[in-house]
Amino acid sequence: MHSELESQVWLSVQQTGDATAFEALIQRAVDSFKRHPGFDPLVRLHASDIGPLGIQVLREVLRRRGRHPDSCDDVAGYLELRSRLKDHLRCQLQWYLVKGGHATEEIQEDQLHRDLGL
């Protein structure tokens, strides 16, 4: 993970509700992802960045949806996934925070920049 803001988004979402609500949100975000053809490099999300619950829930949702590589099943502390999926998840979580009024000023400003294409 390359962004402190991304970490803040993941951790803030986990603090806004219980584990069941967080899992449902991740499930909706994964289900709404549409993969486009072409090369999409693997990236790692670390528990130190998105929290142990973030890794656990995302791993389980990806496994249930058939999107989780078997090579990462037993690796503790991080999860590998495609970069576009990672970006999609962050955008969905960030939008959830802004829409629900839970976003910090920094997250709101970043969302505005994304919406305007800056």
PDB file of N, CA and C in Angstrom:
ATOM      1  N   MET A   1       0.846  -1.160   0.000  1.00  0.00           N
ATOM      2  CA  MET A   1       0.000   0.000   0.000  1.00  0.00           C
ATOM      3  C   MET A   1       0.897   1.230   0.000  1.00  0.00           C
ATOM      4  N   HIS A   2       0.505   2.229  -0.756  1.00  0.00           N
ATOM      5  CA  HIS A   2       1.365   3.384  -0.934  1.00  0.00           C
ATOM      6  C   HIS A   2       0.819   4.641  -0.267  1.00  0.00           C
ATOM      7  N   SER A   3      -0.360   4.572   0.314  1.00  0.00           N
ATOM      8  CA  SER A   3      -0.994   5.798   0.761  1.00  0.00           C
ATOM      9  C   SER A   3      -1.450   5.716   2.218  1.00  0.00           C
ATOM     10  N   GLU A   4      -1.065   6.735   2.951  1.00  0.00           N
ATOM     11  CA  GLU A   4      -1.547   6.848   4.328  1.00  0.00           C
ATOM     12  C   GLU A   4      -3.051   7.095   4.335  1.00  0.00           C
ATOM     13  N   LEU A   5      -3.526   7.818   3.331  1.00  0.00           N
ATOM     14  CA  LEU A   5      -4.951   8.097   3.216  1.00  0.00           C
ATOM     15  C   LEU A   5      -5.738   6.806   2.992  1.00  0.00           C
ATOM     16  N   GLU A   6      -5.188   5.918   2.188  1.00  0.00           N
ATOM     17  CA  GLU A   6      -5.852   4.640   1.929  1.00  0.00           C
ATOM     18  C   GLU A   6      -6.006   3.844   3.224  1.00  0.00           C
ATOM     19  N   SER A   7      -4.979   3.844   4.021  1.00  0.00           N
ATOM     20  CA  SER A   7      -5.028   3.175   5.319  1.00  0.00           C
ATOM     21  C   SER A   7      -6.085   3.824   6.209  1.00  0.00           C
ATOM     22  N   GLN A   8      -6.122   5.128   6.213  1.00  0.00           N
ATOM     23  CA  GLN A   8      -7.107   5.858   7.010  1.00  0.00           C
ATOM     24  C   GLN A   8      -8.530   5.510   6.573  1.00  0.00           C
ATOM     25  N   VAL A   9      -8.749   5.376   5.273  1.00  0.00           N
ATOM     26  CA  VAL A   9     -10.070   5.016   4.754  1.00  0.00           C
ATOM     27  C   VAL A   9     -10.489   3.647   5.278  1.00  0.00           C
ATOM     28  N   TRP A  10      -9.625   2.650   5.120  1.00  0.00           N
ATOM     29  CA  TRP A  10      -9.945   1.292   5.567  1.00  0.00           C
ATOM     30  C   TRP A  10     -10.241   1.257   7.064  1.00  0.00           C
ATOM     31  N   LEU A  11      -9.395   1.879   7.851  1.00  0.00           N
ATOM     32  CA  LEU A  11      -9.558   1.822   9.306  1.00  0.00           C
ATOM     33  C   LEU A  11     -10.778   2.617   9.768  1.00  0.00           C
ATOM     34  N   SER A  12     -11.068   3.725   9.113  1.00  0.00           N
ATOM     35  CA  SER A  12     -12.245   4.526   9.469  1.00  0.00           C
ATOM     36  C   SER A  12     -13.535   3.771   9.199  1.00  0.00           C
ATOM     37  N   VAL A  13     -13.587   3.077   8.077  1.00  0.00           N
ATOM     38  CA  VAL A  13     -14.786   2.299   7.753  1.00  0.00           C
ATOM     39  C   VAL A  13     -15.024   1.232   8.810  1.00  0.00           C
ATOM     40  N   GLN A  14     -13.967   0.592   9.270  1.00  0.00           N
ATOM     41  CA  GLN A  14     -14.112  -0.457  10.277  1.00  0.00           C
ATOM     42  C   GLN A  14     -14.620   0.105  11.599  1.00  0.00           C
ATOM     43  N   GLN A  15     -14.344   1.362  11.872  1.00  0.00           N
ATOM     44  CA  GLN A  15     -14.777   1.981  13.124  1.00  0.00           C
ATOM     45  C   GLN A  15     -16.212   2.493  13.074  1.00  0.00           C
ATOM     46  N   THR A  16     -16.802   2.586  11.886  1.00  0.00           N
ATOM     47  CA  THR A  16     -18.149   3.154  11.764  1.00  0.00           C
ATOM     48  C   THR A  16     -19.255   2.159  12.086  1.00  0.00           C
ATOM     49  N   GLY A  17     -18.948   0.879  12.135  1.00  0.00           N
ATOM     50  CA  GLY A  17     -19.988  -0.110  12.407  1.00  0.00           C
ATOM     51  C   GLY A  17     -19.394  -1.395  12.930  1.00  0.00           C
ATOM     52  N   ASP A  18     -20.226  -2.418  13.009  1.00  0.00           N
ATOM     53  CA  ASP A  18     -19.747  -3.709  13.500  1.00  0.00           C
ATOM     54  C   ASP A  18     -19.134  -4.531  12.366  1.00  0.00           C
ATOM     55  N   ALA A  19     -18.600  -5.684  12.715  1.00  0.00           N
ATOM     56  CA  ALA A  19     -17.908  -6.539  11.741  1.00  0.00           C
ATOM     57  C   ALA A  19     -18.851  -7.038  10.657  1.00  0.00           C
ATOM     58  N   THR A  20     -20.108  -7.298  10.998  1.00  0.00           N
ATOM     59  CA  THR A  20     -21.081  -7.780  10.014  1.00  0.00           C
ATOM     60  C   THR A  20     -21.360  -6.716   8.957  1.00  0.00           C
ATOM     61  N   ALA A  21     -21.532  -5.479   9.383  1.00  0.00           N
ATOM     62  CA  ALA A  21     -21.768  -4.381   8.439  1.00  0.00           C
ATOM     63  C   ALA A  21     -20.546  -4.158   7.559  1.00  0.00           C
ATOM     64  N   PHE A  22     -19.366  -4.260   8.145  1.00  0.00           N
ATOM     65  CA  PHE A  22     -18.128  -4.108   7.381  1.00  0.00           C
ATOM     66  C   PHE A  22     -18.014  -5.207   6.328  1.00  0.00           C
ATOM     67  N   GLU A  23     -18.318  -6.435   6.711  1.00  0.00           N
ATOM     68  CA  GLU A  23     -18.256  -7.545   5.758  1.00  0.00           C
ATOM     69  C   GLU A  23     -19.253  -7.350   4.624  1.00  0.00           C
ATOM     70  N   ALA A  24     -20.463  -6.900   4.931  1.00  0.00           N
ATOM     71  CA  ALA A  24     -21.469  -6.652   3.897  1.00  0.00           C
ATOM     72  C   ALA A  24     -21.004  -5.565   2.931  1.00  0.00           C
ATOM     73  N   LEU A  25     -20.367  -4.536   3.451  1.00  0.00           N
ATOM     74  CA  LEU A  25     -19.851  -3.457   2.611  1.00  0.00           C
ATOM     75  C   LEU A  25     -18.752  -3.968   1.679  1.00  0.00           C
ATOM     76  N   ILE A  26     -17.834  -4.762   2.216  1.00  0.00           N
ATOM     77  CA  ILE A  26     -16.761  -5.334   1.397  1.00  0.00           C
ATOM     78  C   ILE A  26     -17.353  -6.260   0.338  1.00  0.00           C
ATOM     79  N   GLN A  27     -18.338  -7.039   0.720  1.00  0.00           N
ATOM     80  CA  GLN A  27     -18.970  -7.957  -0.227  1.00  0.00           C
ATOM     81  C   GLN A  27     -19.624  -7.190  -1.375  1.00  0.00           C
ATOM     82  N   ARG A  28     -20.334  -6.107  -1.063  1.00  0.00           N
ATOM     83  CA  ARG A  28     -20.954  -5.295  -2.121  1.00  0.00           C
ATOM     84  C   ARG A  28     -19.895  -4.670  -3.028  1.00  0.00           C
ATOM     85  N   ALA A  29     -18.803  -4.217  -2.431  1.00  0.00           N
ATOM     86  CA  ALA A  29     -17.734  -3.598  -3.219  1.00  0.00           C
ATOM     87  C   ALA A  29     -17.088  -4.618  -4.151  1.00  0.00           C
ATOM     88  N   VAL A  30     -16.820  -5.812  -3.659  1.00  0.00           N
ATOM     89  CA  VAL A  30     -16.225  -6.865  -4.496  1.00  0.00           C
ATOM     90  C   VAL A  30     -17.201  -7.261  -5.599  1.00  0.00           C
ATOM     91  N   ASP A  31     -18.472  -7.402  -5.257  1.00  0.00           N
ATOM     92  CA  ASP A  31     -19.475  -7.796  -6.248  1.00  0.00           C
ATOM     93  C   ASP A  31     -19.651  -6.748  -7.344  1.00  0.00           C
ATOM     94  N   SER A  32     -19.421  -5.488  -7.032  1.00  0.00           N
ATOM     95  CA  SER A  32     -19.609  -4.427  -8.027  1.00  0.00           C
ATOM     96  C   SER A  32     -18.394  -4.231  -8.933  1.00  0.00           C
ATOM     97  N   PHE A  33     -17.303  -4.931  -8.651  1.00  0.00           N
ATOM     98  CA  PHE A  33     -16.082  -4.773  -9.443  1.00  0.00           C
ATOM     99  C   PHE A  33     -16.212  -5.496 -10.777  1.00  0.00           C
ATOM    100  N   LYS A  34     -15.882  -4.805 -11.844  1.00  0.00           N
ATOM    101  CA  LYS A  34     -15.868  -5.386 -13.191  1.00  0.00           C
ATOM    102  C   LYS A  34     -14.438  -5.352 -13.707  1.00  0.00           C
ATOM    103  N   ARG A  35     -13.871  -6.529 -13.895  1.00  0.00           N
ATOM    104  CA  ARG A  35     -12.489  -6.600 -14.370  1.00  0.00           C
ATOM    105  C   ARG A  35     -12.447  -6.378 -15.875  1.00  0.00           C
ATOM    106  N   HIS A  36     -11.517  -5.545 -16.297  1.00  0.00           N
ATOM    107  CA  HIS A  36     -11.319  -5.275 -17.716  1.00  0.00           C
ATOM    108  C   HIS A  36     -10.159  -6.117 -18.225  1.00  0.00           C
ATOM    109  N   PRO A  37     -10.174  -6.473 -19.510  1.00  0.00           N
ATOM    110  CA  PRO A  37      -9.072  -7.266 -20.061  1.00  0.00           C
ATOM    111  C   PRO A  37      -7.752  -6.507 -19.973  1.00  0.00           C
ATOM    112  N   GLY A  38      -6.685  -7.265 -19.910  1.00  0.00           N
ATOM    113  CA  GLY A  38      -5.361  -6.660 -19.879  1.00  0.00           C
ATOM    114  C   GLY A  38      -4.621  -6.985 -18.609  1.00  0.00           C
ATOM    115  N   PHE A  39      -3.354  -6.602 -18.603  1.00  0.00           N
ATOM    116  CA  PHE A  39      -2.488  -6.877 -17.465  1.00  0.00           C
ATOM    117  C   PHE A  39      -2.840  -5.968 -16.302  1.00  0.00           C
ATOM    118  N   ASP A  40      -2.922  -6.551 -15.151  1.00  0.00           N
ATOM    119  CA  ASP A  40      -3.236  -5.830 -13.927  1.00  0.00           C
ATOM    120  C   ASP A  40      -2.344  -6.405 -12.832  1.00  0.00           C
ATOM    121  N   PRO A  41      -1.301  -5.689 -12.428  1.00  0.00           N
ATOM    122  CA  PRO A  41      -0.312  -6.262 -11.502  1.00  0.00           C
ATOM    123  C   PRO A  41      -0.893  -6.561 -10.119  1.00  0.00           C
ATOM    124  N   LEU A  42      -0.273  -7.537  -9.466  1.00  0.00           N
ATOM    125  CA  LEU A  42      -0.628  -7.861  -8.089  1.00  0.00           C
ATOM    126  C   LEU A  42      -0.024  -6.833  -7.141  1.00  0.00           C
ATOM    127  N   VAL A  43      -0.769  -6.483  -6.123  1.00  0.00           N
ATOM    128  CA  VAL A  43      -0.285  -5.609  -5.058  1.00  0.00           C
ATOM    129  C   VAL A  43      -0.637  -6.265  -3.730  1.00  0.00           C
ATOM    130  N   ARG A  44       0.021  -5.821  -2.681  1.00  0.00           N
ATOM    131  CA  ARG A  44      -0.239  -6.384  -1.353  1.00  0.00           C
ATOM    132  C   ARG A  44      -0.930  -5.361  -0.463  1.00  0.00           C
ATOM    133  N   LEU A  45      -1.919  -5.846   0.248  1.00  0.00           N
ATOM    134  CA  LEU A  45      -2.527  -5.079   1.326  1.00  0.00           C
ATOM    135  C   LEU A  45      -2.056  -5.725   2.618  1.00  0.00           C
ATOM    136  N   HIS A  46      -1.453  -4.945   3.491  1.00  0.00           N
ATOM    137  CA  HIS A  46      -0.891  -5.465   4.738  1.00  0.00           C
ATOM    138  C   HIS A  46      -1.826  -5.183   5.910  1.00  0.00           C
ATOM    139  N   ALA A  47      -1.836  -6.108   6.857  1.00  0.00           N
ATOM    140  CA  ALA A  47      -2.655  -5.938   8.061  1.00  0.00           C
ATOM    141  C   ALA A  47      -2.252  -4.683   8.823  1.00  0.00           C
ATOM    142  N   SER A  48      -0.995  -4.313   8.755  1.00  0.00           N
ATOM    143  CA  SER A  48      -0.547  -3.097   9.442  1.00  0.00           C
ATOM    144  C   SER A  48      -1.154  -1.841   8.808  1.00  0.00           C
ATOM    145  N   ASP A  49      -1.615  -1.942   7.568  1.00  0.00           N
ATOM    146  CA  ASP A  49      -2.221  -0.803   6.877  1.00  0.00           C
ATOM    147  C   ASP A  49      -3.744  -0.795   6.955  1.00  0.00           C
ATOM    148  N   ILE A  50      -4.375  -1.951   6.743  1.00  0.00           N
ATOM    149  CA  ILE A  50      -5.844  -1.990   6.693  1.00  0.00           C
ATOM    150  C   ILE A  50      -6.457  -2.698   7.892  1.00  0.00           C
ATOM    151  N   GLY A  51      -5.633  -3.125   8.818  1.00  0.00           N
ATOM    152  CA  GLY A  51      -6.120  -3.774  10.027  1.00  0.00           C
ATOM    153  C   GLY A  51      -6.299  -5.275   9.842  1.00  0.00           C
ATOM    154  N   PRO A  52      -6.112  -6.039  10.907  1.00  0.00           N
ATOM    155  CA  PRO A  52      -6.294  -7.495  10.833  1.00  0.00           C
ATOM    156  C   PRO A  52      -7.706  -7.887  10.404  1.00  0.00           C
ATOM    157  N   LEU A  53      -8.712  -7.131  10.867  1.00  0.00           N
ATOM    158  CA  LEU A  53     -10.085  -7.416  10.459  1.00  0.00           C
ATOM    159  C   LEU A  53     -10.257  -7.180   8.963  1.00  0.00           C
ATOM    160  N   GLY A  54      -9.626  -6.137   8.438  1.00  0.00           N
ATOM    161  CA  GLY A  54      -9.694  -5.862   7.006  1.00  0.00           C
ATOM    162  C   GLY A  54      -9.154  -7.014   6.183  1.00  0.00           C
ATOM    163  N   ILE A  55      -8.012  -7.550   6.586  1.00  0.00           N
ATOM    164  CA  ILE A  55      -7.418  -8.692   5.882  1.00  0.00           C
ATOM    165  C   ILE A  55      -8.323  -9.908   5.991  1.00  0.00           C
ATOM    166  N   GLN A  56      -8.786 -10.190   7.194  1.00  0.00           N
ATOM    167  CA  GLN A  56      -9.611 -11.375   7.435  1.00  0.00           C
ATOM    168  C   GLN A  56     -10.903 -11.328   6.617  1.00  0.00           C
ATOM    169  N   VAL A  57     -11.607 -10.218   6.666  1.00  0.00           N
ATOM    170  CA  VAL A  57     -12.883 -10.088   5.962  1.00  0.00           C
ATOM    171  C   VAL A  57     -12.671 -10.113   4.454  1.00  0.00           C
ATOM    172  N   LEU A  58     -11.705  -9.365   3.958  1.00  0.00           N
ATOM    173  CA  LEU A  58     -11.456  -9.332   2.520  1.00  0.00           C
ATOM    174  C   LEU A  58     -11.045 -10.699   2.004  1.00  0.00           C
ATOM    175  N   ARG A  59     -10.187 -11.398   2.735  1.00  0.00           N
ATOM    176  CA  ARG A  59      -9.766 -12.742   2.330  1.00  0.00           C
ATOM    177  C   ARG A  59     -10.973 -13.679   2.232  1.00  0.00           C
ATOM    178  N   GLU A  60     -11.850 -13.629   3.212  1.00  0.00           N
ATOM    179  CA  GLU A  60     -13.019 -14.512   3.224  1.00  0.00           C
ATOM    180  C   GLU A  60     -13.989 -14.173   2.092  1.00  0.00           C
ATOM    181  N   VAL A  61     -14.235 -12.892   1.872  1.00  0.00           N
ATOM    182  CA  VAL A  61     -15.133 -12.477   0.787  1.00  0.00           C
ATOM    183  C   VAL A  61     -14.560 -12.895  -0.564  1.00  0.00           C
ATOM    184  N   LEU A  62     -13.275 -12.671  -0.782  1.00  0.00           N
ATOM    185  CA  LEU A  62     -12.655 -13.058  -2.054  1.00  0.00           C
ATOM    186  C   LEU A  62     -12.699 -14.568  -2.243  1.00  0.00           C
ATOM    187  N   ARG A  63     -12.499 -15.312  -1.178  1.00  0.00           N
ATOM    188  CA  ARG A  63     -12.543 -16.779  -1.256  1.00  0.00           C
ATOM    189  C   ARG A  63     -13.949 -17.244  -1.650  1.00  0.00           C
ATOM    190  N   ARG A  64     -14.967 -16.674  -1.016  1.00  0.00           N
ATOM    191  CA  ARG A  64     -16.353 -17.058  -1.332  1.00  0.00           C
ATOM    192  C   ARG A  64     -16.734 -16.690  -2.758  1.00  0.00           C
ATOM    193  N   ARG A  65     -16.154 -15.620  -3.267  1.00  0.00           N
ATOM    194  CA  ARG A  65     -16.477 -15.164  -4.627  1.00  0.00           C
ATOM    195  C   ARG A  65     -15.570 -15.786  -5.691  1.00  0.00           C
ATOM    196  N   GLY A  66     -14.643 -16.631  -5.281  1.00  0.00           N
ATOM    197  CA  GLY A  66     -13.753 -17.284  -6.240  1.00  0.00           C
ATOM    198  C   GLY A  66     -12.710 -16.361  -6.829  1.00  0.00           C
ATOM    199  N   ARG A  67     -12.377 -15.295  -6.153  1.00  0.00           N
ATOM    200  CA  ARG A  67     -11.397 -14.324  -6.658  1.00  0.00           C
ATOM    201  C   ARG A  67     -10.106 -14.338  -5.868  1.00  0.00           C
ATOM    202  N   HIS A  68      -9.961 -15.274  -4.978  1.00  0.00           N
ATOM    203  CA  HIS A  68      -8.795 -15.295  -4.094  1.00  0.00           C
ATOM    204  C   HIS A  68      -7.803 -16.348  -4.559  1.00  0.00           C
ATOM    205  N   PRO A  69      -6.551 -15.962  -4.822  1.00  0.00           N
ATOM    206  CA  PRO A  69      -5.556 -16.957  -5.240  1.00  0.00           C
ATOM    207  C   PRO A  69      -5.227 -17.919  -4.102  1.00  0.00           C
ATOM    208  N   ASP A  70      -5.159 -19.202  -4.428  1.00  0.00           N
ATOM    209  CA  ASP A  70      -4.860 -20.223  -3.420  1.00  0.00           C
ATOM    210  C   ASP A  70      -3.500 -20.015  -2.783  1.00  0.00           C
ATOM    211  N   SER A  71      -2.590 -19.379  -3.481  1.00  0.00           N
ATOM    212  CA  SER A  71      -1.233 -19.197  -2.967  1.00  0.00           C
ATOM    213  C   SER A  71      -1.183 -18.322  -1.719  1.00  0.00           C
ATOM    214  N   CYS A  72      -2.216 -17.550  -1.447  1.00  0.00           N
ATOM    215  CA  CYS A  72      -2.209 -16.638  -0.297  1.00  0.00           C
ATOM    216  C   CYS A  72      -3.042 -17.145   0.869  1.00  0.00           C
ATOM    217  N   ASP A  73      -3.588 -18.347   0.763  1.00  0.00           N
ATOM    218  CA  ASP A  73      -4.492 -18.833   1.802  1.00  0.00           C
ATOM    219  C   ASP A  73      -3.876 -18.838   3.185  1.00  0.00           C
ATOM    220  N   ASP A  74      -2.633 -19.237   3.304  1.00  0.00           N
ATOM    221  CA  ASP A  74      -2.029 -19.407   4.617  1.00  0.00           C
ATOM    222  C   ASP A  74      -1.021 -18.319   4.968  1.00  0.00           C
ATOM    223  N   VAL A  75      -0.981 -17.263   4.200  1.00  0.00           N
ATOM    224  CA  VAL A  75      -0.020 -16.192   4.459  1.00  0.00           C
ATOM    225  C   VAL A  75      -0.657 -15.181   5.409  1.00  0.00           C
ATOM    226  N   ALA A  76      -0.102 -15.103   6.591  1.00  0.00           N
ATOM    227  CA  ALA A  76      -0.640 -14.162   7.580  1.00  0.00           C
ATOM    228  C   ALA A  76      -0.020 -12.782   7.381  1.00  0.00           C
ATOM    229  N   GLY A  77      -0.795 -11.764   7.636  1.00  0.00           N
ATOM    230  CA  GLY A  77      -0.251 -10.421   7.632  1.00  0.00           C
ATOM    231  C   GLY A  77      -0.442  -9.627   6.363  1.00  0.00           C
ATOM    232  N   TYR A  78      -0.746 -10.291   5.266  1.00  0.00           N
ATOM    233  CA  TYR A  78      -1.016  -9.544   4.036  1.00  0.00           C
ATOM    234  C   TYR A  78      -1.874 -10.360   3.087  1.00  0.00           C
ATOM    235  N   LEU A  79      -2.377  -9.680   2.078  1.00  0.00           N
ATOM    236  CA  LEU A  79      -3.220 -10.299   1.066  1.00  0.00           C
ATOM    237  C   LEU A  79      -2.826  -9.711  -0.281  1.00  0.00           C
ATOM    238  N   GLU A  80      -2.668 -10.554  -1.283  1.00  0.00           N
ATOM    239  CA  GLU A  80      -2.362 -10.077  -2.632  1.00  0.00           C
ATOM    240  C   GLU A  80      -3.643 -10.024  -3.448  1.00  0.00           C
ATOM    241  N   LEU A  81      -3.799  -8.946  -4.201  1.00  0.00           N
ATOM    242  CA  LEU A  81      -4.910  -8.830  -5.121  1.00  0.00           C
ATOM    243  C   LEU A  81      -4.507  -7.902  -6.257  1.00  0.00           C
ATOM    244  N   ARG A  82      -5.304  -7.867  -7.284  1.00  0.00           N
ATOM    245  CA  ARG A  82      -5.000  -7.042  -8.454  1.00  0.00           C
ATOM    246  C   ARG A  82      -5.167  -5.561  -8.117  1.00  0.00           C
ATOM    247  N   SER A  83      -4.316  -4.745  -8.712  1.00  0.00           N
ATOM    248  CA  SER A  83      -4.280  -3.318  -8.364  1.00  0.00           C
ATOM    249  C   SER A  83      -5.601  -2.605  -8.649  1.00  0.00           C
ATOM    250  N   ARG A  84      -6.274  -2.960  -9.735  1.00  0.00           N
ATOM    251  CA  ARG A  84      -7.548  -2.289 -10.038  1.00  0.00           C
ATOM    252  C   ARG A  84      -8.625  -2.656  -9.019  1.00  0.00           C
ATOM    253  N   LEU A  85      -8.604  -3.889  -8.539  1.00  0.00           N
ATOM    254  CA  LEU A  85      -9.550  -4.286  -7.495  1.00  0.00           C
ATOM    255  C   LEU A  85      -9.251  -3.524  -6.207  1.00  0.00           C
ATOM    256  N   LYS A  86      -7.989  -3.388  -5.862  1.00  0.00           N
ATOM    257  CA  LYS A  86      -7.598  -2.627  -4.670  1.00  0.00           C
ATOM    258  C   LYS A  86      -8.090  -1.185  -4.775  1.00  0.00           C
ATOM    259  N   ASP A  87      -7.882  -0.575  -5.935  1.00  0.00           N
ATOM    260  CA  ASP A  87      -8.316   0.808  -6.138  1.00  0.00           C
ATOM    261  C   ASP A  87      -9.841   0.928  -6.072  1.00  0.00           C
ATOM    262  N   HIS A  88     -10.526  -0.047  -6.648  1.00  0.00           N
ATOM    263  CA  HIS A  88     -11.988  -0.054  -6.621  1.00  0.00           C
ATOM    264  C   HIS A  88     -12.502  -0.148  -5.183  1.00  0.00           C
ATOM    265  N   LEU A  89     -11.905  -1.032  -4.405  1.00  0.00           N
ATOM    266  CA  LEU A  89     -12.317  -1.190  -3.009  1.00  0.00           C
ATOM    267  C   LEU A  89     -12.121   0.108  -2.231  1.00  0.00           C
ATOM    268  N   ARG A  90     -10.979   0.726  -2.433  1.00  0.00           N
ATOM    269  CA  ARG A  90     -10.705   1.986  -1.737  1.00  0.00           C
ATOM    270  C   ARG A  90     -11.727   3.054  -2.124  1.00  0.00           C
ATOM    271  N   CYS A  91     -12.037   3.151  -3.404  1.00  0.00           N
ATOM    272  CA  CYS A  91     -13.011   4.149  -3.862  1.00  0.00           C
ATOM    273  C   CYS A  91     -14.392   3.893  -3.261  1.00  0.00           C
ATOM    274  N   GLN A  92     -14.795   2.630  -3.223  1.00  0.00           N
ATOM    275  CA  GLN A  92     -16.095   2.286  -2.651  1.00  0.00           C
ATOM    276  C   GLN A  92     -16.155   2.603  -1.159  1.00  0.00           C
ATOM    277  N   LEU A  93     -15.093   2.266  -0.441  1.00  0.00           N
ATOM    278  CA  LEU A  93     -15.048   2.539   0.997  1.00  0.00           C
ATOM    279  C   LEU A  93     -15.012   4.043   1.266  1.00  0.00           C
ATOM    280  N   GLN A  94     -14.264   4.757   0.454  1.00  0.00           N
ATOM    281  CA  GLN A  94     -14.165   6.206   0.615  1.00  0.00           C
ATOM    282  C   GLN A  94     -15.521   6.859   0.355  1.00  0.00           C
ATOM    283  N   TRP A  95     -16.206   6.410  -0.676  1.00  0.00           N
ATOM    284  CA  TRP A  95     -17.526   6.957  -0.990  1.00  0.00           C
ATOM    285  C   TRP A  95     -18.501   6.685   0.164  1.00  0.00           C
ATOM    286  N   TYR A  96     -18.411   5.491   0.747  1.00  0.00           N
ATOM    287  CA  TYR A  96     -19.251   5.133   1.893  1.00  0.00           C
ATOM    288  C   TYR A  96     -19.026   6.108   3.053  1.00  0.00           C
ATOM    289  N   LEU A  97     -17.776   6.424   3.329  1.00  0.00           N
ATOM    290  CA  LEU A  97     -17.461   7.357   4.417  1.00  0.00           C
ATOM    291  C   LEU A  97     -18.017   8.751   4.138  1.00  0.00           C
ATOM    292  N   VAL A  98     -17.830   9.229   2.919  1.00  0.00           N
ATOM    293  CA  VAL A  98     -18.298  10.570   2.556  1.00  0.00           C
ATOM    294  C   VAL A  98     -19.821  10.622   2.611  1.00  0.00           C
ATOM    295  N   LYS A  99     -20.458   9.640   2.020  1.00  0.00           N
ATOM    296  CA  LYS A  99     -21.922   9.602   1.967  1.00  0.00           C
ATOM    297  C   LYS A  99     -22.535   9.511   3.366  1.00  0.00           C
ATOM    298  N   GLY A 100     -21.902   8.759   4.247  1.00  0.00           N
ATOM    299  CA  GLY A 100     -22.422   8.583   5.597  1.00  0.00           C
ATOM    300  C   GLY A 100     -22.031   9.671   6.572  1.00  0.00           C
ATOM    301  N   GLY A 101     -21.236  10.639   6.129  1.00  0.00           N
ATOM    302  CA  GLY A 101     -20.819  11.726   6.999  1.00  0.00           C
ATOM    303  C   GLY A 101     -19.735  11.339   7.990  1.00  0.00           C
ATOM    304  N   HIS A 102     -18.992  10.267   7.688  1.00  0.00           N
ATOM    305  CA  HIS A 102     -17.938   9.793   8.587  1.00  0.00           C
ATOM    306  C   HIS A 102     -16.537  10.177   8.111  1.00  0.00           C
ATOM    307  N   ALA A 103     -16.456  10.861   6.984  1.00  0.00           N
ATOM    308  CA  ALA A 103     -15.156  11.162   6.382  1.00  0.00           C
ATOM    309  C   ALA A 103     -14.501  12.371   7.044  1.00  0.00           C
ATOM    310  N   THR A 104     -13.191  12.288   7.173  1.00  0.00           N
ATOM    311  CA  THR A 104     -12.425  13.439   7.638  1.00  0.00           C
ATOM    312  C   THR A 104     -12.358  14.460   6.508  1.00  0.00           C
ATOM    313  N   GLU A 105     -11.884  15.637   6.817  1.00  0.00           N
ATOM    314  CA  GLU A 105     -11.753  16.677   5.794  1.00  0.00           C
ATOM    315  C   GLU A 105     -10.808  16.226   4.673  1.00  0.00           C
ATOM    316  N   GLU A 106      -9.742  15.540   5.049  1.00  0.00           N
ATOM    317  CA  GLU A 106      -8.775  15.051   4.063  1.00  0.00           C
ATOM    318  C   GLU A 106      -9.416  14.034   3.113  1.00  0.00           C
ATOM    319  N   ILE A 107     -10.223  13.143   3.646  1.00  0.00           N
ATOM    320  CA  ILE A 107     -10.904  12.143   2.820  1.00  0.00           C
ATOM    321  C   ILE A 107     -11.928  12.826   1.919  1.00  0.00           C
ATOM    322  N   GLN A 108     -12.660  13.798   2.446  1.00  0.00           N
ATOM    323  CA  GLN A 108     -13.638  14.526   1.637  1.00  0.00           C
ATOM    324  C   GLN A 108     -12.963  15.274   0.495  1.00  0.00           C
ATOM    325  N   GLU A 109     -11.845  15.900   0.792  1.00  0.00           N
ATOM    326  CA  GLU A 109     -11.107  16.645  -0.230  1.00  0.00           C
ATOM    327  C   GLU A 109     -10.601  15.708  -1.327  1.00  0.00           C
ATOM    328  N   ASP A 110     -10.076  14.559  -0.929  1.00  0.00           N
ATOM    329  CA  ASP A 110      -9.604  13.584  -1.908  1.00  0.00           C
ATOM    330  C   ASP A 110     -10.758  13.076  -2.771  1.00  0.00           C
ATOM    331  N   GLN A 111     -11.917  12.858  -2.157  1.00  0.00           N
ATOM    332  CA  GLN A 111     -13.088  12.403  -2.910  1.00  0.00           C
ATOM    333  C   GLN A 111     -13.519  13.456  -3.924  1.00  0.00           C
ATOM    334  N   LEU A 112     -13.491  14.712  -3.526  1.00  0.00           N
ATOM    335  CA  LEU A 112     -13.841  15.794  -4.443  1.00  0.00           C
ATOM    336  C   LEU A 112     -12.881  15.818  -5.628  1.00  0.00           C
ATOM    337  N   HIS A 113     -11.589  15.651  -5.371  1.00  0.00           N
ATOM    338  CA  HIS A 113     -10.599  15.612  -6.452  1.00  0.00           C
ATOM    339  C   HIS A 113     -10.874  14.447  -7.391  1.00  0.00           C
ATOM    340  N   ARG A 114     -11.235  13.300  -6.850  1.00  0.00           N
ATOM    341  CA  ARG A 114     -11.556  12.137  -7.686  1.00  0.00           C
ATOM    342  C   ARG A 114     -12.794  12.419  -8.536  1.00  0.00           C
ATOM    343  N   ASP A 115     -13.817  12.992  -7.904  1.00  0.00           N
ATOM    344  CA  ASP A 115     -15.061  13.277  -8.620  1.00  0.00           C
ATOM    345  C   ASP A 115     -14.847  14.268  -9.759  1.00  0.00           C
ATOM    346  N   LEU A 116     -13.931  15.214  -9.549  1.00  0.00           N
ATOM    347  CA  LEU A 116     -13.659  16.224 -10.575  1.00  0.00           C
ATOM    348  C   LEU A 116     -12.596  15.781 -11.577  1.00  0.00           C
ATOM    349  N   GLY A 117     -11.991  14.627 -11.314  1.00  0.00           N
ATOM    350  CA  GLY A 117     -10.969  14.112 -12.224  1.00  0.00           C
ATOM    351  C   GLY A 117      -9.642  14.835 -12.124  1.00  0.00           C
ATOM    352  N   LEU A 118      -9.333  15.381 -10.980  1.00  0.00           N
ATOM    353  CA  LEU A 118      -8.078  16.121 -10.794  1.00  0.00           C
ATOM    354  C   LEU A 118      -6.969  15.219 -10.325  1.00  0.00           C
TER     355      LEU A 118
END
